[in-house]
Protein backbone atom coordinates (compact mmCIF):
# COMPACT_ATOMS: atom_id res chain seq x y z
CA UNK A 1 0.00 0.00 0.00
CA UNK A 2 1.02 3.63 -0.29
CA UNK A 3 -0.29 6.93 1.04
CA UNK A 4 0.18 10.13 -0.93
CA UNK A 5 -0.64 13.64 0.22
CA UNK A 6 -3.06 15.62 -1.93
CA UNK A 7 -2.80 19.39 -2.42
CA UNK A 8 -5.31 19.90 0.40
CA UNK A 9 -3.12 17.91 2.79
CA UNK A 10 -5.37 14.84 2.90
CA UNK A 11 -3.68 11.46 2.68
CA UNK A 12 -4.79 9.40 -0.32
CA UNK A 13 -4.40 5.63 -0.21
CA UNK A 14 -3.51 3.39 -3.14
CA UNK A 15 -3.26 -0.39 -2.93
CA UNK A 16 -0.81 -2.59 -4.80
CA UNK A 17 -2.84 -3.37 -7.96
CA UNK A 18 -3.79 0.29 -8.29
CA UNK A 19 -0.16 1.38 -8.01
CA UNK A 20 1.04 -1.23 -10.49
CA UNK A 21 -1.60 -0.12 -12.99
CA UNK A 22 -0.51 3.52 -12.60
CA UNK A 23 3.14 2.60 -13.10
CA UNK A 24 2.65 0.39 -16.15
CA UNK A 25 0.12 2.86 -17.62
CA UNK A 26 -0.37 0.80 -20.78
CA UNK A 27 -2.41 2.03 -23.72
CA UNK A 28 -4.76 -0.93 -23.24
CA UNK A 29 -5.48 -2.05 -19.70
CA UNK A 30 -7.87 -4.68 -18.36
CA UNK A 31 -8.28 -5.22 -14.62
CA UNK A 32 -10.34 -8.04 -13.11
CA UNK A 33 -10.38 -7.19 -9.41
CA UNK A 34 -12.54 -8.38 -6.56
CA UNK A 35 -15.43 -6.41 -5.11
CA UNK A 36 -14.44 -3.23 -3.21
CA UNK A 37 -10.85 -3.31 -4.50
CA UNK A 38 -11.12 0.29 -5.72
CA UNK A 39 -11.60 -0.14 -9.44
CA UNK A 40 -13.42 3.15 -10.10
CA UNK A 41 -12.10 5.17 -7.19
CA UNK A 42 -8.45 4.20 -7.27
CA UNK A 43 -7.88 3.28 -10.90
CA UNK A 44 -10.39 4.73 -13.38
CA UNK A 45 -10.40 8.10 -11.63
CA UNK A 46 -6.61 8.35 -11.91
CA UNK A 47 -6.57 7.06 -15.48
CA UNK A 48 -9.20 9.60 -16.53
CA UNK A 49 -7.19 12.45 -15.02
CA UNK A 50 -4.06 11.23 -16.78
CA UNK A 51 -5.87 11.23 -20.14
CA UNK A 52 -7.28 14.69 -19.47
CA UNK A 53 -3.90 16.15 -18.55
CA UNK A 54 -2.06 14.40 -21.39
CA UNK A 55 -4.69 15.44 -23.94
CA UNK A 56 -6.30 18.81 -23.13
CA UNK A 57 -9.52 19.38 -25.11
CA UNK A 58 -9.88 15.66 -25.80
CA UNK A 59 -13.12 13.67 -25.57
CA UNK A 60 -13.28 10.35 -23.79
CA UNK A 61 -16.02 7.88 -22.89
CA UNK A 62 -17.04 6.21 -19.66
CA UNK A 63 -18.98 3.17 -20.86
CA UNK A 64 -21.39 0.89 -19.00
CA UNK A 65 -24.24 -1.51 -19.59
CA UNK A 66 -26.77 0.92 -18.14
CA UNK A 67 -26.79 4.66 -17.61
CA UNK A 68 -27.97 4.12 -14.06
CA UNK A 69 -24.87 2.09 -13.37
CA UNK A 70 -22.69 5.05 -14.38
CA UNK A 71 -24.57 7.57 -12.30
CA UNK A 72 -25.19 5.31 -9.31
CA UNK A 73 -22.10 3.14 -9.03
CA UNK A 74 -19.27 4.22 -11.32
CA UNK A 75 -19.28 8.02 -11.28
CA UNK A 76 -19.63 8.70 -7.50
CA UNK A 77 -16.34 7.03 -6.47
CA UNK A 78 -14.53 8.73 -9.36
CA UNK A 79 -15.76 12.16 -8.25
CA UNK A 80 -14.99 11.35 -4.62
CA UNK A 81 -11.40 10.54 -5.45
CA UNK A 82 -11.00 13.73 -7.43
CA UNK A 83 -12.20 15.66 -4.39
CA UNK A 84 -9.79 13.69 -2.19
CA UNK A 85 -7.06 14.96 -4.50
CA UNK A 86 -8.17 18.53 -3.86
CA UNK A 87 -10.27 19.10 -6.98
CA UNK A 88 -13.43 21.17 -6.56
CA UNK A 89 -16.81 20.59 -8.15
CA UNK A 90 -17.83 23.41 -10.52
CA UNK A 91 -14.27 24.73 -10.42
CA UNK A 92 -12.14 21.78 -11.55
CA UNK A 93 -14.87 19.51 -12.86
CA UNK A 94 -18.44 19.98 -13.97
CA UNK A 95 -20.94 17.12 -13.88
CA UNK A 96 -23.54 17.09 -16.66
CA UNK A 97 -23.16 20.80 -17.32
CA UNK A 98 -20.75 23.08 -19.17
CA UNK A 99 -18.02 25.00 -17.30
CA UNK A 100 -19.17 28.39 -16.09
CA UNK A 101 -18.50 31.02 -18.75
CA UNK A 102 -16.67 33.23 -16.29
CA UNK A 103 -13.73 30.79 -16.43
CA UNK A 104 -13.45 31.24 -20.22
CA UNK A 105 -12.39 27.63 -20.66
CA UNK A 106 -11.59 26.23 -24.10
CA UNK A 107 -13.96 23.33 -24.70
CA UNK A 108 -12.99 20.02 -26.37
CA UNK A 109 -12.28 20.04 -30.10
CA UNK A 110 -15.39 17.88 -30.55
CA UNK A 111 -17.57 19.19 -27.75
CA UNK A 112 -21.12 17.88 -27.26
CA UNK A 113 -23.98 20.21 -28.10
CA UNK A 114 -25.59 19.50 -24.72
CA UNK A 115 -23.88 18.69 -21.47
CA UNK A 116 -26.38 16.34 -19.84
CA UNK A 117 -24.42 13.19 -20.67
CA UNK A 118 -20.92 14.55 -20.05
CA UNK A 119 -18.48 15.47 -17.31
CA UNK A 120 -16.05 18.28 -18.10
CA UNK A 121 -12.66 18.13 -16.37
CA UNK A 122 -10.07 20.88 -16.10
CA UNK A 123 -6.86 19.98 -17.91
CA UNK A 124 -5.01 23.21 -17.13
CA UNK A 125 -5.77 26.86 -16.40
CA UNK A 126 -7.62 27.48 -19.68
CA UNK A 127 -8.66 24.11 -21.17
CA UNK A 128 -10.98 21.25 -20.32
CA UNK A 129 -11.60 17.74 -21.63
CA UNK A 130 -14.91 15.90 -21.73
CA UNK A 131 -15.82 12.46 -20.40
CA UNK A 132 -18.97 11.36 -22.25
CA UNK A 133 -21.26 9.00 -20.34
CA UNK A 134 -22.22 6.22 -22.76
CA UNK A 135 -24.43 3.25 -21.94
CA UNK A 136 -25.81 0.36 -23.93
CA UNK A 137 -29.35 0.84 -22.64
CA UNK A 138 -29.56 4.21 -24.37
CA UNK A 139 -29.71 3.47 -28.12
CA UNK A 140 -27.46 5.63 -30.23
CA UNK A 141 -25.57 7.17 -27.29
CA UNK A 142 -22.26 6.44 -29.01
CA UNK A 143 -23.39 7.13 -32.58
CA UNK A 144 -21.41 9.79 -34.41
CA UNK A 145 -18.81 10.20 -31.69
CA UNK A 146 -15.14 10.76 -32.37
CA UNK A 147 -13.35 9.93 -29.15
CA UNK A 148 -9.81 9.76 -27.88
CA UNK A 149 -9.95 7.35 -24.93
CA UNK A 150 -12.27 4.88 -23.17
CA UNK A 151 -12.71 3.86 -19.53
CA UNK A 152 -15.33 1.59 -18.01
CA UNK A 153 -16.24 -0.38 -14.89
CA UNK A 154 -18.39 -3.51 -14.44
CA UNK A 155 -17.66 -4.28 -18.08
CA UNK A 156 -18.46 -7.99 -17.70
CA UNK A 157 -22.08 -6.93 -18.15
CA UNK A 158 -21.43 -5.28 -21.52
CA UNK A 159 -22.79 -6.73 -24.72
CA UNK A 160 -19.46 -7.48 -26.38
CA UNK A 161 -20.83 -7.40 -29.92
CA UNK A 162 -22.38 -3.97 -29.45
CA UNK A 163 -19.22 -2.72 -27.77
CA UNK A 164 -17.18 -3.84 -30.78
CA UNK A 165 -19.66 -2.58 -33.37
CA UNK A 166 -20.72 0.73 -31.83
CA UNK A 167 -18.05 2.11 -29.51
CA UNK A 168 -14.66 0.84 -30.62
CA UNK A 169 -15.02 2.28 -34.16
CA UNK A 170 -15.59 5.70 -32.56
CA UNK A 171 -12.18 5.55 -30.86
CA UNK A 172 -10.51 7.05 -33.91
CA UNK A 173 -9.02 10.10 -35.56
CA UNK A 174 -7.76 13.36 -34.01
CA UNK A 175 -4.15 12.35 -34.64
CA UNK A 176 -3.23 15.94 -35.47
CA UNK A 177 -4.02 16.94 -31.90
CA UNK A 178 -2.88 14.03 -29.75
CA UNK A 179 -0.37 11.87 -31.62
CA UNK A 180 2.20 12.88 -29.01
CA UNK A 181 0.38 11.01 -26.22
CA UNK A 182 0.80 7.27 -25.70
CA UNK A 183 -2.69 7.29 -24.15
CA UNK A 184 -4.37 8.46 -27.36
CA UNK A 185 -7.06 5.91 -28.27
CA UNK A 186 -6.36 4.11 -25.01
CA UNK A 187 -8.80 1.72 -23.30
CA UNK A 188 -8.93 1.00 -19.56
CA UNK A 189 -11.58 -1.54 -18.51
CA UNK A 190 -12.33 -2.88 -15.03
CA UNK A 191 -14.63 -5.58 -13.71
CA UNK A 192 -15.02 -8.16 -11.01
CA UNK A 193 -14.63 -11.80 -12.04
CA UNK A 194 -16.99 -12.85 -14.86
CA UNK A 195 -19.25 -15.79 -14.03
CA UNK A 196 -21.21 -16.20 -17.27
CA UNK A 197 -20.19 -17.14 -20.83
CA UNK A 198 -20.96 -13.60 -21.99
CA UNK A 199 -18.13 -12.26 -19.85
CA UNK A 200 -15.46 -14.70 -20.98
CA UNK A 201 -14.19 -12.25 -23.61
CA UNK A 202 -12.36 -10.46 -20.82
CA UNK A 203 -10.20 -13.52 -20.23
CA UNK A 204 -9.14 -13.36 -23.86
CA UNK A 205 -7.54 -9.96 -23.23
CA UNK A 206 -4.92 -11.67 -21.08
CA UNK A 207 -3.56 -13.28 -24.25
CA UNK A 208 -2.86 -9.85 -25.75
CA UNK A 209 -0.47 -8.91 -22.94
CA UNK A 210 3.23 -9.03 -23.76
CA UNK A 211 4.66 -10.04 -20.37
CA UNK A 212 8.21 -9.33 -21.48
CA UNK A 213 7.28 -5.78 -22.52
CA UNK A 214 5.55 -5.22 -19.17
CA UNK A 215 8.69 -6.42 -17.39
CA UNK A 216 10.76 -4.05 -19.51
CA UNK A 217 8.54 -1.09 -18.53
CA UNK A 218 9.12 -1.95 -14.87
CA UNK A 219 12.87 -2.18 -15.41
CA UNK A 220 12.98 1.22 -17.13
CA UNK A 221 10.99 2.79 -14.28
CA UNK A 222 13.50 1.40 -11.78
CA UNK A 223 16.37 2.83 -13.82
CA UNK A 224 14.68 6.24 -14.09
CA UNK A 225 14.25 6.32 -10.33
CA UNK A 226 17.92 5.43 -9.89
CA UNK A 227 18.97 8.24 -12.23
CA UNK A 228 16.71 10.84 -10.61
CA UNK A 229 15.49 9.62 -7.19
CA UNK A 230 14.49 13.10 -6.01
CA UNK A 231 12.62 13.99 -9.21
CA UNK A 232 14.82 17.02 -9.90
CA UNK A 233 13.63 19.09 -12.91
CA UNK A 234 15.25 17.96 -16.15
CA UNK A 235 16.99 21.24 -16.80
CA UNK A 236 18.81 20.94 -13.45
CA UNK A 237 20.23 17.47 -14.17
CA UNK A 238 23.80 16.98 -15.39
CA UNK A 239 23.96 16.75 -19.19
CA UNK A 240 25.00 13.07 -19.24
CA UNK A 241 22.28 12.05 -16.79
CA UNK A 242 19.71 14.17 -18.59
CA UNK A 243 20.44 12.40 -21.88
CA UNK A 244 20.02 8.99 -20.25
CA UNK A 245 16.72 10.04 -18.70
CA UNK A 246 15.47 11.38 -22.03
CA UNK A 247 16.47 8.17 -23.81
CA UNK A 248 14.65 6.02 -21.25
CA UNK A 249 11.58 8.27 -21.41
CA UNK A 250 11.48 7.84 -25.18
CA UNK A 251 11.71 4.05 -24.82
CA UNK A 252 8.95 4.15 -22.20
CA UNK A 253 6.72 6.12 -24.55
CA UNK A 254 7.21 3.65 -27.40
CA UNK A 255 6.54 0.66 -25.15
CA UNK A 256 3.42 2.08 -23.53
CA UNK A 257 1.93 3.27 -26.81
CA UNK A 258 1.38 -0.29 -28.08
CA UNK A 259 1.24 -2.10 -24.75
CA UNK A 260 -1.63 -4.21 -23.44
CA UNK A 261 -1.69 -4.91 -19.70
CA UNK A 262 -3.91 -7.42 -17.88
CA UNK A 263 -4.22 -7.96 -14.13
CA UNK A 264 -6.25 -9.93 -11.62
CA UNK A 265 -6.45 -9.14 -7.90
CA UNK A 266 -8.61 -10.26 -4.99
CA UNK A 267 -10.25 -7.98 -2.45
CA UNK A 268 -7.64 -8.84 0.18
CA UNK A 269 -5.41 -6.35 -1.64
CA UNK A 270 -7.57 -3.64 -0.06
CA UNK A 271 -7.66 -5.04 3.47
CA UNK A 272 -5.93 -1.92 4.87
CA UNK A 273 -9.03 0.07 3.96
CA UNK A 274 -11.76 -2.55 4.41
CA UNK A 275 -10.46 -4.24 7.57
CA UNK A 276 -11.05 -7.88 8.51
CA UNK A 277 -14.65 -7.23 9.58
CA UNK A 278 -15.63 -6.67 5.94
CA UNK A 279 -14.47 -10.14 4.98
CA UNK A 280 -16.19 -11.70 7.98
CA UNK A 281 -19.49 -10.12 6.95
CA UNK A 282 -19.14 -11.11 3.33
CA UNK A 283 -18.26 -14.67 4.25
CA UNK A 284 -21.45 -14.95 6.32
CA UNK A 285 -23.70 -13.25 3.78
CA UNK A 286 -22.52 -14.80 0.50
CA UNK A 287 -22.72 -18.39 -0.74
CA UNK A 288 -19.27 -19.96 -0.91
CA UNK A 289 -19.17 -19.94 -4.71
CA UNK A 290 -20.11 -16.23 -4.81
CA UNK A 291 -17.57 -15.36 -2.11
CA UNK A 292 -14.89 -17.15 -4.12
CA UNK A 293 -15.84 -15.23 -7.26
CA UNK A 294 -16.66 -11.75 -5.96
CA UNK A 295 -14.20 -11.46 -3.06
CA UNK A 296 -11.40 -13.95 -3.68
CA UNK A 297 -11.64 -13.24 -7.43
CA UNK A 298 -11.39 -16.91 -8.38
CA UNK A 299 -12.16 -17.84 -11.94
CA UNK A 300 -15.28 -20.01 -12.30
CA UNK A 301 -13.45 -23.21 -13.16
CA UNK A 302 -15.74 -26.11 -12.34
CA UNK A 303 -19.12 -26.11 -10.67
CA UNK A 304 -21.61 -28.32 -8.88
CA UNK A 305 -22.13 -30.46 -12.01
CA UNK A 306 -18.57 -30.17 -13.32
CA UNK A 307 -16.67 -33.36 -14.04
CA UNK A 308 -13.63 -31.65 -12.48
CA UNK A 309 -15.54 -29.78 -9.78
CA UNK A 310 -12.69 -29.68 -7.25
CA UNK A 311 -10.16 -28.17 -9.63
CA UNK A 312 -9.15 -24.77 -8.30
CA UNK A 313 -6.45 -22.11 -8.17
CA UNK A 314 -4.34 -24.13 -5.73
CA UNK A 315 -3.75 -26.67 -8.49
CA UNK A 316 -2.21 -24.09 -10.84
CA UNK A 317 1.28 -22.62 -10.89
CA UNK A 318 3.68 -20.61 -13.05
CA UNK A 319 7.24 -21.70 -13.82
CA UNK A 320 9.03 -19.30 -16.17
CA UNK A 321 12.82 -19.08 -16.23
CA UNK A 322 13.31 -15.34 -16.54
CA UNK A 323 17.03 -15.71 -17.11
CA UNK A 324 16.05 -17.13 -20.52
CA UNK A 325 13.57 -14.32 -21.07
CA UNK A 326 16.01 -11.60 -20.06
CA UNK A 327 18.73 -13.00 -22.30
CA UNK A 328 16.73 -12.17 -25.42
CA UNK A 329 17.34 -8.75 -26.98
CA UNK A 330 14.41 -6.36 -26.89
CA UNK A 331 13.90 -6.70 -30.64
CA UNK A 332 13.11 -10.42 -30.26
CA UNK A 333 10.15 -10.00 -27.93
CA UNK A 334 6.74 -10.78 -29.34
CA UNK A 335 8.10 -12.96 -32.16
CA UNK A 336 7.28 -16.37 -30.67
CA UNK A 337 10.91 -17.07 -29.78
CA UNK A 338 9.89 -18.12 -26.26
CA UNK A 339 7.34 -20.67 -27.43
CA UNK A 340 9.50 -23.64 -26.44
CA UNK A 341 10.50 -25.59 -23.34
CA UNK A 342 13.74 -23.66 -22.80
CA UNK A 343 11.93 -21.26 -20.46
CA UNK A 344 10.08 -24.01 -18.49
CA UNK A 345 11.45 -24.31 -14.95
CA UNK A 346 9.14 -27.23 -14.16
CA UNK A 347 10.55 -29.51 -16.89
CA UNK A 348 12.81 -32.20 -15.42
CA UNK A 349 15.26 -32.75 -18.25
CA UNK A 350 16.73 -35.87 -16.61
CA UNK A 351 13.61 -38.04 -16.78
CA UNK A 352 11.10 -39.09 -19.42
CA UNK A 353 8.04 -37.15 -20.44
CA UNK A 354 4.64 -38.82 -20.00
CA UNK A 355 1.93 -38.07 -22.54
CA UNK A 356 -1.39 -39.16 -23.97
CA UNK A 357 -3.31 -38.12 -27.09
CA UNK A 358 -6.85 -37.54 -28.17
CA UNK A 359 -7.79 -37.84 -31.82
CA UNK A 360 -10.74 -36.46 -33.75
CA UNK A 361 -11.65 -35.52 -37.28
CA UNK A 362 -11.13 -31.78 -36.73
CA UNK A 363 -9.03 -31.67 -33.56
CA UNK A 364 -5.98 -33.66 -32.40
CA UNK A 365 -4.01 -33.04 -29.22
CA UNK A 366 -1.36 -34.25 -26.78
CA UNK A 367 -1.18 -33.56 -23.04
CA UNK A 368 2.25 -33.89 -21.41
CA UNK A 369 3.09 -34.49 -17.75
CA UNK A 370 5.90 -35.62 -15.43
CA UNK A 371 5.96 -37.10 -11.94
CA UNK A 372 7.38 -34.90 -9.21
CA UNK A 373 7.45 -36.77 -5.93
CA UNK A 374 3.85 -37.17 -4.79
CA UNK A 375 2.64 -34.80 -7.50
CA UNK A 376 1.73 -35.16 -11.15
CA UNK A 377 2.75 -32.00 -13.00
CA UNK A 378 0.87 -31.28 -16.21
CA UNK A 379 3.48 -29.42 -18.21
CA UNK A 380 2.03 -28.62 -21.61
CA UNK A 381 -0.81 -29.16 -24.04
CA UNK A 382 -0.38 -28.97 -27.80
CA UNK A 383 -3.07 -29.31 -30.44
CA UNK A 384 -3.86 -28.83 -34.11
CA UNK A 385 -7.13 -28.10 -35.85
CA UNK A 386 -8.41 -29.08 -39.26
CA UNK A 387 -6.89 -29.03 -41.89
CA UNK A 388 -3.74 -29.90 -39.91
CA UNK A 389 -3.31 -33.58 -39.15
CA UNK A 390 -1.44 -35.99 -36.88
CA UNK A 391 1.86 -35.31 -38.65
CA UNK A 392 1.51 -31.61 -37.87
CA UNK A 393 0.76 -32.46 -34.24
CA UNK A 394 3.97 -34.46 -33.99
CA UNK A 395 5.92 -31.60 -35.53
CA UNK A 396 4.42 -29.07 -33.12
CA UNK A 397 5.21 -31.28 -30.12
CA UNK A 398 8.77 -31.85 -31.31
CA UNK A 399 9.31 -28.15 -32.01
CA UNK A 400 8.20 -27.14 -28.54
CA UNK A 401 10.47 -29.70 -26.86
CA UNK A 402 13.49 -29.09 -29.10
CA UNK A 403 15.58 -28.15 -26.03
CA UNK A 404 14.62 -31.34 -24.19
CA UNK A 405 17.58 -33.34 -25.44
CA UNK A 406 16.72 -36.62 -23.72
CA UNK A 407 13.74 -37.09 -26.09
CA UNK A 408 12.33 -39.91 -23.99
CA UNK A 409 8.54 -40.32 -24.03
CA UNK A 410 6.27 -42.73 -22.17
CA UNK A 411 3.16 -42.76 -24.32
CA UNK A 412 -0.19 -43.90 -22.93
CA UNK A 413 -3.14 -44.94 -25.09
CA UNK A 414 -6.39 -46.88 -24.80
CA UNK A 415 -8.57 -48.96 -27.13
CA UNK A 416 -10.09 -45.89 -28.82
CA UNK A 417 -6.69 -44.84 -30.16
CA UNK A 418 -6.06 -48.00 -32.17
CA UNK A 419 -9.27 -48.18 -34.15
CA UNK A 420 -8.98 -48.59 -37.90
CA UNK A 421 -8.76 -45.52 -40.10
CA UNK A 422 -10.76 -45.46 -43.33
CA UNK A 423 -8.34 -43.08 -45.06
CA UNK A 424 -5.03 -44.60 -43.91
CA UNK A 425 -3.42 -47.99 -43.36
CA UNK A 426 -2.35 -46.78 -39.92
CA UNK A 427 -4.47 -45.90 -36.93
CA UNK A 428 -3.83 -42.39 -35.52
CA UNK A 429 -1.83 -43.66 -32.56
CA UNK A 430 0.62 -45.58 -34.74
CA UNK A 431 0.91 -42.67 -37.12
CA UNK A 432 1.77 -40.27 -34.28
CA UNK A 433 4.29 -42.66 -32.71
CA UNK A 434 6.00 -43.30 -36.06
CA UNK A 435 6.22 -39.56 -36.75
CA UNK A 436 7.78 -38.91 -33.33
CA UNK A 437 10.29 -41.72 -33.80
CA UNK A 438 11.23 -40.32 -37.19
CA UNK A 439 11.91 -37.02 -35.39
CA UNK A 440 14.34 -38.77 -33.04
CA UNK A 441 12.10 -39.59 -30.07
CA UNK A 442 12.49 -42.75 -27.99
CA UNK A 443 8.81 -43.65 -27.53
CA UNK A 444 7.88 -46.27 -24.94
CA UNK A 445 4.27 -47.26 -25.56
CA UNK A 446 1.90 -48.13 -22.70
CA UNK A 447 -1.47 -49.66 -23.54
CA UNK A 448 -3.92 -49.21 -20.65
CA UNK A 449 -6.69 -51.32 -22.20
CA UNK A 450 -10.26 -50.15 -22.45
CA UNK A 451 -10.92 -46.52 -21.54
CA UNK A 452 -11.41 -46.31 -17.77
CA UNK A 453 -15.05 -45.77 -16.84
CA UNK A 454 -16.38 -42.28 -16.21
CA UNK A 455 -16.86 -43.23 -12.58
CA UNK A 456 -13.25 -44.36 -12.19
CA UNK A 457 -11.85 -41.21 -13.80
CA UNK A 458 -14.17 -38.86 -11.92
CA UNK A 459 -13.33 -40.39 -8.57
CA UNK A 460 -9.60 -40.54 -9.29
CA UNK A 461 -9.53 -36.83 -10.11
CA UNK A 462 -11.64 -35.99 -7.07
CA UNK A 463 -9.30 -37.85 -4.71
CA UNK A 464 -6.30 -36.28 -6.40
CA UNK A 465 -7.65 -32.74 -6.16
CA UNK A 466 -8.44 -33.19 -2.46
CA UNK A 467 -4.85 -34.32 -1.84
CA UNK A 468 -5.58 -36.56 1.15
CA UNK A 469 -4.72 -40.02 -0.24
CA UNK A 470 -0.97 -40.81 -0.41
CA UNK A 471 -1.69 -43.44 -3.11
CA UNK A 472 -3.06 -40.82 -5.52
CA UNK A 473 -0.82 -38.16 -7.04
CA UNK A 474 -1.71 -34.53 -6.41
CA UNK A 475 -2.32 -32.92 -9.84
CA UNK A 476 -0.70 -29.58 -10.63
CA UNK A 477 -1.03 -27.58 -13.85
CA UNK A 478 1.38 -25.13 -15.47
CA UNK A 479 -1.08 -22.27 -15.87
CA UNK A 480 0.68 -20.70 -18.85
CA UNK A 481 1.35 -23.87 -20.83
CA UNK A 482 -1.92 -25.66 -20.01
CA UNK A 483 -4.36 -22.78 -20.46
CA UNK A 484 -6.40 -24.64 -23.07
CA UNK A 485 -6.43 -27.84 -21.01
CA UNK A 486 -7.69 -25.92 -17.97
CA UNK A 487 -10.33 -24.30 -20.15
CA UNK A 488 -11.43 -27.67 -21.48
CA UNK A 489 -11.71 -29.05 -17.96
CA UNK A 490 -13.71 -26.04 -16.79
CA UNK A 491 -16.16 -26.49 -19.67
CA UNK A 492 -16.67 -30.22 -19.14
CA UNK A 493 -19.77 -31.04 -17.11
CA UNK A 494 -21.42 -34.29 -16.10
CA UNK A 495 -24.25 -35.23 -18.44
CA UNK A 496 -27.51 -35.11 -16.53
CA UNK A 497 -30.25 -37.66 -17.11
CA UNK A 498 -28.10 -40.20 -18.93
CA UNK A 499 -27.70 -43.91 -18.26
CA UNK A 500 -24.21 -43.27 -16.85
CA UNK A 501 -24.56 -40.78 -13.95
CA UNK A 502 -20.85 -39.86 -14.26
CA UNK A 503 -20.57 -39.55 -18.04
CA UNK A 504 -19.07 -36.40 -19.51
CA UNK A 505 -21.38 -34.14 -21.45
CA UNK A 506 -19.75 -33.99 -24.88
CA UNK A 507 -22.26 -31.77 -26.62
CA UNK A 508 -19.48 -29.37 -27.68
CA UNK A 509 -17.80 -32.13 -29.67
CA UNK A 510 -20.99 -32.50 -31.70
CA UNK A 511 -21.45 -28.76 -32.20
CA UNK A 512 -19.83 -27.87 -35.53
CA UNK A 513 -19.85 -24.18 -34.59
CA UNK A 514 -18.15 -24.64 -31.23
CA UNK A 515 -14.45 -24.06 -30.72
CA UNK A 516 -13.14 -27.59 -30.16
CA UNK A 517 -10.45 -26.24 -27.84
CA UNK A 518 -13.22 -25.87 -25.24
CA UNK A 519 -14.62 -29.37 -25.90
CA UNK A 520 -13.54 -32.35 -23.74
CA UNK A 521 -10.74 -33.49 -26.11
CA UNK A 522 -7.87 -32.11 -24.03
CA UNK A 523 -9.46 -33.23 -20.77
CA UNK A 524 -9.85 -36.76 -22.21
CA UNK A 525 -6.11 -36.83 -22.96
CA UNK A 526 -5.38 -35.65 -19.41
CA UNK A 527 -7.58 -38.47 -18.06
CA UNK A 528 -5.50 -41.08 -19.88
CA UNK A 529 -2.10 -39.75 -18.87
CA UNK A 530 -3.20 -39.29 -15.23
CA UNK A 531 -4.63 -42.82 -15.08
CA UNK A 532 -1.64 -44.29 -16.91
CA UNK A 533 0.93 -42.64 -14.64
CA UNK A 534 -0.70 -44.23 -11.60
CA UNK A 535 -0.33 -47.64 -13.25
CA UNK A 536 3.26 -46.80 -14.20
CA UNK A 537 4.17 -45.84 -10.62
CA UNK A 538 2.58 -48.76 -8.80
CA UNK A 539 6.01 -49.90 -7.56
CA UNK A 540 6.33 -46.51 -5.83
CA UNK A 541 3.06 -46.94 -3.97
CA UNK A 542 0.76 -45.02 -6.33
CA UNK A 543 -2.32 -46.72 -7.69
CA UNK A 544 -5.98 -46.31 -8.48
CA UNK A 545 -7.90 -47.33 -5.33
CA UNK A 546 -9.64 -50.62 -6.13
CA UNK A 547 -12.92 -49.30 -4.76
CA UNK A 548 -13.20 -46.98 -7.73
CA UNK A 549 -12.18 -49.32 -10.56
CA UNK A 550 -15.15 -50.22 -12.77
């Protein structure tokens, strides 16, 4: 946490995620933070002021699902924070009315004709910027706009299609005025954790973040502080130091201008403000699943009818070797040069990999794991979609593990993987194994027989996730490398009303319009490798409890 003094002498508090967001200050920013973390008050308020001061006479938008949401929930904490900073209503900002004429303020270049849906904010002594209040329940509220920046809270409720079709195209133009600001055409969106399919688009924004570029911004900020710890005016710095500062500031501008930043934070980050009593009340008032989502900010991965219902955040980890990342020159970032196992700290290069496939007409995949004491670490998933085939899958797997020089693979498969193929003399399992061997892999095949029953697999995972049985390995997932596997597991439910009360619901596999990455394919491969590794390690005391073998 950090306290800063405002011009009126009042201490203003910022928590860690708020401070990190301010420091990174990326052109595109998405924050999924728990309830009462200070999304509007401590982040959007500051971001709006930064846009106003960087771009006097600009026009931005505060977007929401409903206009009431803006007026009732989003705008009040923003205005409160401005007042905490010493700003005065009707002097430094004007809500839903134009600045008083006696101030002779220059209005935005594209000022609204009426002020009822705008907030005007002082940028300097003579100029203001406008924050237009745009909602999706007011048809046409964004039509015809030409805007320079966007902010929004509770965006998980937005209609994504309308947001893309109506608002984003308006974030355009005005380059002749604001091309010198890295925040021109910026977007800063906040929300608590989505819990419906309509909000899943926010998770996709994590994939747009260049983690190496974010790390580089942090490193430059550290160096700037080292060069000028007391924030002495530039003209007072020694010439050599001034040149270094100017060079770093230029690099910072170029990085931020095209940077996308994504963050998640739970409400505990704001415990200094909320105190423990807040969490005690919320824990008593909210159902456990809602407390986990809204307060602890846990992603909705698994539910009451989920096949993998006990899978949670404690089963996920990150293992990136940043010495590999840092060794790359800046010009190599963002070119896919880190899409290999060289950066994987969890890969044990002295032992074999364990893997299992899943084959389908339009989707083929491999899930890779390794034993680690009493744990089973799921290291990586790879997959190909139609028109790519099994040969392409082998090539992708080999390319990722090109720095795993042992090239030893224990390969599990069941009866479904050796069925005849109408278009080839080989079944898909044999084709994949032959391709891997041609690429130099030592493949040790392990046939586990008929596919274990749904009951057996469901119970094995449940025992494993609980972590109380020393005979069952505790499953852990590399969150970065197994993102699609985790997504597949989260989407896989138990089919209700069927003859088998534990059968997976595979409706997505039959839906030609569905993204097969979300279907059970990857989770089926994980089932086989997890089951097979228990058979493989029976001599070490690991096994499938006989009670659950059907």
